[in-house]
């Protein structure tokens, strides 16, 4: 049984396509076959929790972009939004993701219309910020529509237990709509 990796193209890619540093033989042949099988399987499909987390991330990034004014903040947010949209598009298509130029190449191969939309949005965000924002908004709307649309209201993600402080409890302050710390 081969466990399917998640997300980025695994090291299997290097094993399957890279230069062999092992002596030729059974071990090297087995590793190449195993790596090839992993690559063929593709990444695990996204879970509902992963999709919700990506929808929330993309929704908040778009809000930050639309509200942004400073060129450096617009560019930084646009870069994160490009990355988040590309990763979601690839994972939703059960395709491997990547980083840098490999992310762009994989996106172009799997979702060429989104790739074109994001290139146009990135190209516009500094010289024509309102046009860039409009282009990003259109790309986000198209990308999120099949997955339930933007997600903000009601989304909640509990912190892992190991992140929590011992002896501190959190209670919902319904009147203020905020979370407040209370001693146990």
C-alpha atoms as a PDB file:
ATOM      1  CA  UNK A   1       0.000   0.000   0.000  1.00  0.00           C
ATOM      2  CA  UNK A   2       1.317   3.422  -0.941  1.00  0.00           C
ATOM      3  CA  UNK A   3       0.243   6.401   1.139  1.00  0.00           C
ATOM      4  CA  UNK A   4      -0.750   9.355  -1.013  1.00  0.00           C
ATOM      5  CA  UNK A   5       1.152  12.520  -0.168  1.00  0.00           C
ATOM      6  CA  UNK A   6      -0.630  15.827   0.162  1.00  0.00           C
ATOM      7  CA  UNK A   7       0.068  19.175  -1.422  1.00  0.00           C
ATOM      8  CA  UNK A   8       3.348  19.955  -3.108  1.00  0.00           C
ATOM      9  CA  UNK A   9       4.970  17.624  -5.529  1.00  0.00           C
ATOM     10  CA  UNK A  10       6.818  15.178  -3.286  1.00  0.00           C
ATOM     11  CA  UNK A  11      10.442  14.188  -3.326  1.00  0.00           C
ATOM     12  CA  UNK A  12       9.227  11.309  -5.474  1.00  0.00           C
ATOM     13  CA  UNK A  13       9.557  13.690  -8.414  1.00  0.00           C
ATOM     14  CA  UNK A  14      13.294  13.978  -7.824  1.00  0.00           C
ATOM     15  CA  UNK A  15      13.629  10.218  -7.382  1.00  0.00           C
ATOM     16  CA  UNK A  16      11.625   9.428 -10.507  1.00  0.00           C
ATOM     17  CA  UNK A  17      13.214  12.054 -12.747  1.00  0.00           C
ATOM     18  CA  UNK A  18      16.529  12.885 -11.076  1.00  0.00           C
ATOM     19  CA  UNK A  19      20.056  11.669 -11.577  1.00  0.00           C
ATOM     20  CA  UNK A  20      20.681   8.356  -9.856  1.00  0.00           C
ATOM     21  CA  UNK A  21      23.267   8.536  -7.054  1.00  0.00           C
ATOM     22  CA  UNK A  22      22.743   4.938  -5.936  1.00  0.00           C
ATOM     23  CA  UNK A  23      24.514   2.034  -7.520  1.00  0.00           C
ATOM     24  CA  UNK A  24      22.352   0.608 -10.303  1.00  0.00           C
ATOM     25  CA  UNK A  25      20.439  -2.356  -8.992  1.00  0.00           C
ATOM     26  CA  UNK A  26      17.320  -3.587  -7.269  1.00  0.00           C
ATOM     27  CA  UNK A  27      17.118  -0.787  -4.660  1.00  0.00           C
ATOM     28  CA  UNK A  28      17.420   1.941  -7.266  1.00  0.00           C
ATOM     29  CA  UNK A  29      14.849   0.271  -9.531  1.00  0.00           C
ATOM     30  CA  UNK A  30      12.406  -0.188  -6.635  1.00  0.00           C
ATOM     31  CA  UNK A  31      12.756   3.456  -5.580  1.00  0.00           C
ATOM     32  CA  UNK A  32      12.071   4.685  -9.108  1.00  0.00           C
ATOM     33  CA  UNK A  33       8.989   2.439  -9.447  1.00  0.00           C
ATOM     34  CA  UNK A  34       7.698   3.508  -6.025  1.00  0.00           C
ATOM     35  CA  UNK A  35       8.262   7.200  -6.839  1.00  0.00           C
ATOM     36  CA  UNK A  36       6.484   6.782 -10.172  1.00  0.00           C
ATOM     37  CA  UNK A  37       3.471   5.229  -8.433  1.00  0.00           C
ATOM     38  CA  UNK A  38       3.303   8.124  -5.959  1.00  0.00           C
ATOM     39  CA  UNK A  39       3.389  10.631  -8.778  1.00  0.00           C
ATOM     40  CA  UNK A  40       0.657   8.806 -10.687  1.00  0.00           C
ATOM     41  CA  UNK A  41      -1.591   8.684  -7.621  1.00  0.00           C
ATOM     42  CA  UNK A  42      -1.479  12.431  -7.254  1.00  0.00           C
ATOM     43  CA  UNK A  43      -2.116  14.238  -3.987  1.00  0.00           C
ATOM     44  CA  UNK A  44      -4.966  13.364  -1.686  1.00  0.00           C
ATOM     45  CA  UNK A  45      -8.152  15.223  -2.568  1.00  0.00           C
ATOM     46  CA  UNK A  46      -8.812  18.269  -0.406  1.00  0.00           C
ATOM     47  CA  UNK A  47     -10.920  17.663   2.676  1.00  0.00           C
ATOM     48  CA  UNK A  48     -13.925  19.845   3.531  1.00  0.00           C
ATOM     49  CA  UNK A  49     -11.900  21.374   6.387  1.00  0.00           C
ATOM     50  CA  UNK A  50      -9.031  22.199   4.032  1.00  0.00           C
ATOM     51  CA  UNK A  51     -11.412  23.762   1.509  1.00  0.00           C
ATOM     52  CA  UNK A  52     -13.045  25.856   4.237  1.00  0.00           C
ATOM     53  CA  UNK A  53      -9.652  27.031   5.493  1.00  0.00           C
ATOM     54  CA  UNK A  54      -8.569  28.012   1.953  1.00  0.00           C
ATOM     55  CA  UNK A  55     -11.887  29.788   1.270  1.00  0.00           C
ATOM     56  CA  UNK A  56     -11.479  31.767   4.499  1.00  0.00           C
ATOM     57  CA  UNK A  57      -7.833  32.594   3.745  1.00  0.00           C
ATOM     58  CA  UNK A  58      -8.664  33.772   0.226  1.00  0.00           C
ATOM     59  CA  UNK A  59     -11.679  35.783   1.407  1.00  0.00           C
ATOM     60  CA  UNK A  60      -9.648  37.642   4.035  1.00  0.00           C
ATOM     61  CA  UNK A  61      -6.777  38.250   1.622  1.00  0.00           C
ATOM     62  CA  UNK A  62      -9.183  39.720  -0.928  1.00  0.00           C
ATOM     63  CA  UNK A  63     -10.682  41.992   1.743  1.00  0.00           C
ATOM     64  CA  UNK A  64      -7.170  43.163   2.676  1.00  0.00           C
ATOM     65  CA  UNK A  65      -6.357  43.797  -0.975  1.00  0.00           C
ATOM     66  CA  UNK A  66      -9.548  45.730  -1.675  1.00  0.00           C
ATOM     67  CA  UNK A  67      -9.036  47.865   1.450  1.00  0.00           C
ATOM     68  CA  UNK A  68      -5.320  48.389   0.789  1.00  0.00           C
ATOM     69  CA  UNK A  69      -3.861  51.681  -0.383  1.00  0.00           C
ATOM     70  CA  UNK A  70      -0.063  51.564   0.032  1.00  0.00           C
ATOM     71  CA  UNK A  71       1.691  50.057  -3.018  1.00  0.00           C
ATOM     72  CA  UNK A  72       3.944  47.794  -0.945  1.00  0.00           C
ATOM     73  CA  UNK A  73       0.952  46.423   0.988  1.00  0.00           C
ATOM     74  CA  UNK A  74      -1.011  45.876  -2.225  1.00  0.00           C
ATOM     75  CA  UNK A  75       1.867  43.979  -3.789  1.00  0.00           C
ATOM     76  CA  UNK A  76       2.507  41.848  -0.702  1.00  0.00           C
ATOM     77  CA  UNK A  77      -1.180  40.958  -0.391  1.00  0.00           C
ATOM     78  CA  UNK A  78      -1.535  40.300  -4.127  1.00  0.00           C
ATOM     79  CA  UNK A  79       1.394  37.881  -4.005  1.00  0.00           C
ATOM     80  CA  UNK A  80      -0.186  35.940  -1.123  1.00  0.00           C
ATOM     81  CA  UNK A  81      -3.547  35.932  -2.903  1.00  0.00           C
ATOM     82  CA  UNK A  82      -1.973  34.624  -6.136  1.00  0.00           C
ATOM     83  CA  UNK A  83      -0.300  31.847  -4.149  1.00  0.00           C
ATOM     84  CA  UNK A  84      -3.473  30.895  -2.253  1.00  0.00           C
ATOM     85  CA  UNK A  85      -5.631  30.855  -5.406  1.00  0.00           C
ATOM     86  CA  UNK A  86      -3.093  28.823  -7.368  1.00  0.00           C
ATOM     87  CA  UNK A  87      -2.731  26.237  -4.593  1.00  0.00           C
ATOM     88  CA  UNK A  88      -6.497  25.903  -4.217  1.00  0.00           C
ATOM     89  CA  UNK A  89      -7.028  25.534  -7.966  1.00  0.00           C
ATOM     90  CA  UNK A  90      -4.408  22.815  -8.205  1.00  0.00           C
ATOM     91  CA  UNK A  91      -5.517  20.897  -5.117  1.00  0.00           C
ATOM     92  CA  UNK A  92      -9.172  21.105  -6.170  1.00  0.00           C
ATOM     93  CA  UNK A  93      -8.120  19.553  -9.497  1.00  0.00           C
ATOM     94  CA  UNK A  94      -6.188  16.805  -7.641  1.00  0.00           C
ATOM     95  CA  UNK A  95      -2.986  18.137  -9.173  1.00  0.00           C
ATOM     96  CA  UNK A  96       0.392  18.635  -7.556  1.00  0.00           C
ATOM     97  CA  UNK A  97       1.300  22.137  -6.463  1.00  0.00           C
ATOM     98  CA  UNK A  98       4.727  23.732  -6.280  1.00  0.00           C
ATOM     99  CA  UNK A  99       6.534  26.944  -5.492  1.00  0.00           C
ATOM    100  CA  UNK A 100       7.871  29.799  -7.580  1.00  0.00           C
ATOM    101  CA  UNK A 101       8.057  29.136 -11.295  1.00  0.00           C
ATOM    102  CA  UNK A 102       6.859  25.556 -10.789  1.00  0.00           C
ATOM    103  CA  UNK A 103       3.628  26.785  -9.202  1.00  0.00           C
ATOM    104  CA  UNK A 104       3.031  29.069 -12.192  1.00  0.00           C
ATOM    105  CA  UNK A 105       3.808  26.261 -14.659  1.00  0.00           C
ATOM    106  CA  UNK A 106       1.497  23.794 -12.932  1.00  0.00           C
ATOM    107  CA  UNK A 107      -1.284  26.381 -12.726  1.00  0.00           C
ATOM    108  CA  UNK A 108      -0.935  27.181 -16.436  1.00  0.00           C
ATOM    109  CA  UNK A 109      -1.149  23.457 -17.267  1.00  0.00           C
ATOM    110  CA  UNK A 110      -4.196  22.778 -15.061  1.00  0.00           C
ATOM    111  CA  UNK A 111      -6.132  26.071 -15.040  1.00  0.00           C
ATOM    112  CA  UNK A 112      -4.907  28.283 -17.909  1.00  0.00           C
ATOM    113  CA  UNK A 113      -7.789  30.766 -17.643  1.00  0.00           C
ATOM    114  CA  UNK A 114      -7.102  31.352 -13.944  1.00  0.00           C
ATOM    115  CA  UNK A 115      -3.379  31.613 -14.704  1.00  0.00           C
ATOM    116  CA  UNK A 116      -4.093  34.323 -17.302  1.00  0.00           C
ATOM    117  CA  UNK A 117      -6.467  36.137 -14.945  1.00  0.00           C
ATOM    118  CA  UNK A 118      -3.882  36.165 -12.158  1.00  0.00           C
ATOM    119  CA  UNK A 119      -1.078  37.372 -14.424  1.00  0.00           C
ATOM    120  CA  UNK A 120      -3.300  40.250 -15.582  1.00  0.00           C
ATOM    121  CA  UNK A 121      -4.311  41.072 -11.993  1.00  0.00           C
ATOM    122  CA  UNK A 122      -0.701  41.048 -10.797  1.00  0.00           C
ATOM    123  CA  UNK A 123       0.409  43.198 -13.732  1.00  0.00           C
ATOM    124  CA  UNK A 124      -2.260  45.798 -12.921  1.00  0.00           C
ATOM    125  CA  UNK A 125      -2.070  45.951  -9.122  1.00  0.00           C
ATOM    126  CA  UNK A 126       0.643  48.634  -8.873  1.00  0.00           C
ATOM    127  CA  UNK A 127       0.163  50.843 -11.961  1.00  0.00           C
ATOM    128  CA  UNK A 128      -3.649  50.587 -11.884  1.00  0.00           C
ATOM    129  CA  UNK A 129      -4.648  49.450  -8.386  1.00  0.00           C
ATOM    130  CA  UNK A 130      -8.416  49.651  -8.891  1.00  0.00           C
ATOM    131  CA  UNK A 131      -8.194  47.559 -12.069  1.00  0.00           C
ATOM    132  CA  UNK A 132      -5.937  45.053 -10.302  1.00  0.00           C
ATOM    133  CA  UNK A 133      -8.370  44.801  -7.390  1.00  0.00           C
ATOM    134  CA  UNK A 134     -11.274  44.282  -9.795  1.00  0.00           C
ATOM    135  CA  UNK A 135      -9.366  41.543 -11.627  1.00  0.00           C
ATOM    136  CA  UNK A 136      -8.484  39.784  -8.373  1.00  0.00           C
ATOM    137  CA  UNK A 137     -12.100  40.019  -7.208  1.00  0.00           C
ATOM    138  CA  UNK A 138     -13.283  38.378 -10.442  1.00  0.00           C
ATOM    139  CA  UNK A 139     -10.668  35.618 -10.130  1.00  0.00           C
ATOM    140  CA  UNK A 140     -11.612  34.962  -6.498  1.00  0.00           C
ATOM    141  CA  UNK A 141     -15.332  34.857  -7.304  1.00  0.00           C
ATOM    142  CA  UNK A 142     -14.752  32.366 -10.132  1.00  0.00           C
ATOM    143  CA  UNK A 143     -12.415  30.195  -8.081  1.00  0.00           C
ATOM    144  CA  UNK A 144     -14.538  30.050  -4.941  1.00  0.00           C
ATOM    145  CA  UNK A 145     -17.964  29.663  -6.595  1.00  0.00           C
ATOM    146  CA  UNK A 146     -17.758  25.869  -7.111  1.00  0.00           C
ATOM    147  CA  UNK A 147     -16.519  25.418  -3.537  1.00  0.00           C
ATOM    148  CA  UNK A 148     -19.243  27.370  -1.731  1.00  0.00           C
ATOM    149  CA  UNK A 149     -18.110  30.937  -2.396  1.00  0.00           C
ATOM    150  CA  UNK A 150     -16.349  33.334  -0.046  1.00  0.00           C
ATOM    151  CA  UNK A 151     -16.215  32.314   3.592  1.00  0.00           C
ATOM    152  CA  UNK A 152     -15.945  34.722   6.483  1.00  0.00           C
ATOM    153  CA  UNK A 153     -19.042  34.800   8.660  1.00  0.00           C
ATOM    154  CA  UNK A 154     -19.229  31.926  11.095  1.00  0.00           C
ATOM    155  CA  UNK A 155     -15.901  30.337  10.170  1.00  0.00           C
ATOM    156  CA  UNK A 156     -14.085  29.113  13.220  1.00  0.00           C
ATOM    157  CA  UNK A 157     -10.892  27.130  13.607  1.00  0.00           C
ATOM    158  CA  UNK A 158      -9.892  25.834  17.018  1.00  0.00           C
ATOM    159  CA  UNK A 159      -6.239  26.046  17.953  1.00  0.00           C
ATOM    160  CA  UNK A 160      -4.486  22.716  18.475  1.00  0.00           C
ATOM    161  CA  UNK A 161      -4.310  21.653  22.129  1.00  0.00           C
ATOM    162  CA  UNK A 162      -0.522  22.025  22.186  1.00  0.00           C
ATOM    163  CA  UNK A 163      -0.863  25.734  21.356  1.00  0.00           C
ATOM    164  CA  UNK A 164      -3.067  26.435  24.352  1.00  0.00           C
ATOM    165  CA  UNK A 165      -1.709  27.872  27.594  1.00  0.00           C
ATOM    166  CA  UNK A 166      -2.098  25.751  30.698  1.00  0.00           C
ATOM    167  CA  UNK A 167      -4.450  27.240  33.273  1.00  0.00           C
ATOM    168  CA  UNK A 168      -6.067  29.722  30.879  1.00  0.00           C
ATOM    169  CA  UNK A 169      -9.586  29.241  29.585  1.00  0.00           C
ATOM    170  CA  UNK A 170     -11.286  31.214  26.859  1.00  0.00           C
ATOM    171  CA  UNK A 171     -14.938  32.146  27.046  1.00  0.00           C
ATOM    172  CA  UNK A 172     -17.114  33.759  24.435  1.00  0.00           C
ATOM    173  CA  UNK A 173     -18.164  37.261  25.407  1.00  0.00           C
ATOM    174  CA  UNK A 174     -21.476  37.285  23.581  1.00  0.00           C
ATOM    175  CA  UNK A 175     -22.299  40.876  24.436  1.00  0.00           C
ATOM    176  CA  UNK A 176     -19.136  42.226  22.812  1.00  0.00           C
ATOM    177  CA  UNK A 177     -18.900  39.526  20.158  1.00  0.00           C
ATOM    178  CA  UNK A 178     -15.270  38.918  21.127  1.00  0.00           C
ATOM    179  CA  UNK A 179     -13.269  36.203  22.801  1.00  0.00           C
ATOM    180  CA  UNK A 180     -11.884  37.140  26.197  1.00  0.00           C
ATOM    181  CA  UNK A 181      -9.410  35.413  28.476  1.00  0.00           C
ATOM    182  CA  UNK A 182     -10.596  34.206  31.832  1.00  0.00           C
ATOM    183  CA  UNK A 183      -8.553  32.538  34.585  1.00  0.00           C
ATOM    184  CA  UNK A 184      -9.587  29.050  35.539  1.00  0.00           C
END
